[in-house]
Protein backbone atom coordinates (compact mmCIF):
# COMPACT_ATOMS: atom_id res chain seq x y z
CA MET A 1 -0.02 0.03 0.01
CA ASN A 2 1.29 3.41 -1.02
CA LYS A 3 1.00 5.94 1.84
CA LYS A 4 0.90 9.55 0.84
CA GLY A 5 0.32 12.48 3.25
CA PHE A 6 -0.36 12.60 6.97
CA THR A 7 -3.03 10.96 8.99
CA LEU A 8 -5.48 13.04 11.05
CA VAL A 9 -3.83 11.80 14.29
CA GLU A 10 -0.44 13.08 13.06
CA LEU A 11 -1.79 16.46 12.12
CA LEU A 12 -3.58 16.87 15.48
CA ALA A 13 -0.32 15.85 17.30
CA ILE A 14 1.53 18.58 15.46
CA ILE A 15 -1.17 21.19 16.16
CA ILE A 16 -1.19 20.23 19.88
CA LEU A 17 2.62 20.51 19.93
CA LEU A 18 2.56 23.96 18.35
CA VAL A 19 -0.15 25.22 20.72
CA GLY A 20 1.92 23.91 23.67
CA ILE A 21 5.06 25.80 22.41
CA PHE A 22 2.94 28.93 21.98
CA MET A 23 1.55 28.59 25.48
CA LEU A 24 4.91 28.26 27.00
CA THR A 25 6.48 31.22 25.16
CA TYR A 26 3.48 33.73 25.22
CA PRO A 27 3.98 34.99 28.83
CA LYS A 28 7.69 35.71 28.17
CA LEU A 29 6.95 37.41 24.83
CA THR A 30 4.30 39.68 26.44
CA GLU A 31 6.66 40.42 29.35
CA MET A 32 9.40 41.46 26.99
CA TYR A 33 7.04 43.58 24.97
CA GLU A 34 5.82 45.39 28.10
CA ARG A 35 9.32 45.94 29.37
CA GLU A 36 10.46 47.35 26.03
CA HIS A 37 7.25 49.52 25.87
CA LYS A 38 7.96 50.93 29.33
CA LYS A 39 11.57 51.59 28.49
CA LEU A 40 10.48 53.49 25.40
CA ASP A 41 8.00 55.46 27.44
CA ASP A 42 10.64 56.34 30.05
CA ASP A 43 12.98 57.37 27.32
CA LYS A 44 10.43 59.62 25.83
CA ILE A 45 9.72 61.24 29.24
CA THR A 46 13.43 61.85 29.71
CA LEU A 47 13.65 63.40 26.36
CA ILE A 48 10.72 65.70 27.19
CA PHE A 49 12.19 66.82 30.50
CA ASP A 50 15.62 67.45 28.98
CA GLY A 51 13.91 69.55 26.25
CA VAL A 52 12.13 71.55 28.94
CA ASP A 53 15.44 72.26 30.69
CA ARG A 54 17.09 73.33 27.49
CA TYR A 55 14.08 75.61 26.70
CA LEU A 56 14.24 77.25 30.14
CA ASP A 57 17.97 77.75 29.74
CA ASN A 58 17.64 79.32 26.32
CA ASN A 59 14.46 81.43 26.92
CA ASP A 60 14.03 84.01 29.53
CA LYS A 61 10.89 85.32 27.98
CA TYR A 62 8.71 82.47 29.25
CA PRO A 63 6.94 83.83 32.34
CA PRO A 64 6.82 81.69 35.44
CA ILE A 65 3.53 80.78 37.14
CA VAL A 66 4.77 81.75 40.58
CA GLY A 67 8.44 82.39 41.54
CA THR A 68 10.36 79.45 40.16
CA GLU A 69 7.36 77.37 38.88
CA TYR A 70 6.82 77.15 35.15
CA CYS A 71 4.31 75.42 32.88
CA ILE A 72 5.20 74.83 29.26
CA GLU A 73 2.97 73.39 26.71
CA MET A 74 4.20 70.50 24.55
CA GLU A 75 3.30 72.51 21.43
CA THR A 76 5.74 75.29 22.47
CA LEU A 77 8.51 72.72 23.04
CA GLU A 78 7.88 71.27 19.61
CA TYR A 79 7.76 74.63 17.89
CA GLU A 80 11.07 75.63 19.56
CA GLY A 81 12.66 72.36 18.43
CA GLN A 82 13.38 71.21 21.94
CA VAL A 83 11.40 67.95 21.54
CA PRO A 84 10.59 66.07 18.33
CA ASP A 85 7.06 66.43 16.87
CA PHE A 86 4.80 63.89 18.39
CA ASP A 87 2.12 62.04 16.44
CA LEU A 88 -1.40 63.08 16.92
CA GLU A 89 -2.09 59.67 18.49
CA ASP A 90 0.72 60.11 21.01
CA GLU A 91 -0.41 60.39 24.66
CA TYR A 92 1.93 63.40 25.27
CA ALA A 93 0.98 65.48 22.18
CA GLU A 94 -1.65 67.62 23.91
CA LYS A 95 -0.03 67.84 27.34
CA ALA A 96 2.05 70.39 29.18
CA VAL A 97 5.05 70.09 31.53
CA TYR A 98 5.08 71.67 34.99
CA VAL A 99 8.55 72.49 36.26
CA LYS A 100 9.70 73.67 39.65
CA ILE A 101 13.27 75.02 39.66
CA GLY A 102 15.27 73.62 42.62
CA LYS A 103 18.73 74.35 43.93
CA SER A 104 20.23 71.01 42.91
CA SER A 105 17.68 69.67 40.40
CA ASN A 106 14.31 70.55 38.81
CA TYR A 107 11.09 68.83 39.54
CA HIS A 108 9.15 67.84 36.40
CA LYS A 109 5.65 66.59 36.00
CA ILE A 110 3.48 66.06 32.93
CA ILE A 111 0.05 67.63 33.32
CA ASP A 112 -2.98 67.86 30.99
CA GLU A 113 -2.85 71.59 30.56
CA CYS A 114 -1.25 74.71 32.05
CA PRO A 115 -3.19 76.51 34.80
CA VAL A 116 -4.81 79.76 33.60
CA GLU A 117 -4.52 82.82 35.71
CA ASP A 118 -7.82 84.70 36.28
CA THR A 119 -6.75 88.12 35.09
CA ALA A 120 -10.26 89.52 35.08
CA SER A 121 -10.58 89.36 38.91
CA SER A 122 -7.04 90.48 39.61
CA GLU A 123 -7.09 93.54 37.44
CA THR A 124 -8.86 96.73 38.44
CA ASN A 125 -10.61 98.59 35.74
CA PRO A 126 -9.79 102.35 36.01
CA ALA A 127 -12.67 103.27 33.76
CA SER A 128 -15.27 101.78 36.11
CA PRO A 129 -17.17 104.04 38.46
C-alpha cells in the first residue's frame, strides 16, 4: 500500500505541539513587549524633561507661574525644536510640563494643561465708576 500524506492523528499531534510551544512562550513574549514599551516611554519622558530644561536655559521670555514654577505646553517645545514632533495619537501630544526649579535639580511633571490665571478678577478697571 502506497501511503501519501499525513493521517489526522499526526496532524492533530503537530497542532497540539505547536499550541503547547505557543502557550509556553506567550508569557515571556508579552513580558518582553511590556518591558520594552515601558523603557520606550521612560526614554520619551526623559527626552521631554531634557527639552524643557534646554528651553528654560535658552528662553528667559517664558513667564513663570509663581516664583520658580513654570508650565510649558508641549506645542511650544515642539515649535522651539526642543522635542521632536509627536504624532497626533501620542499620549503626550496635547499635554504640558510643570517645572519647579530647585537648587540642585528641577522637579518635572507632565500635566493635562497649564493653569490659567484669572486676570479679570485680579485687574482693576480704571474706567469703572
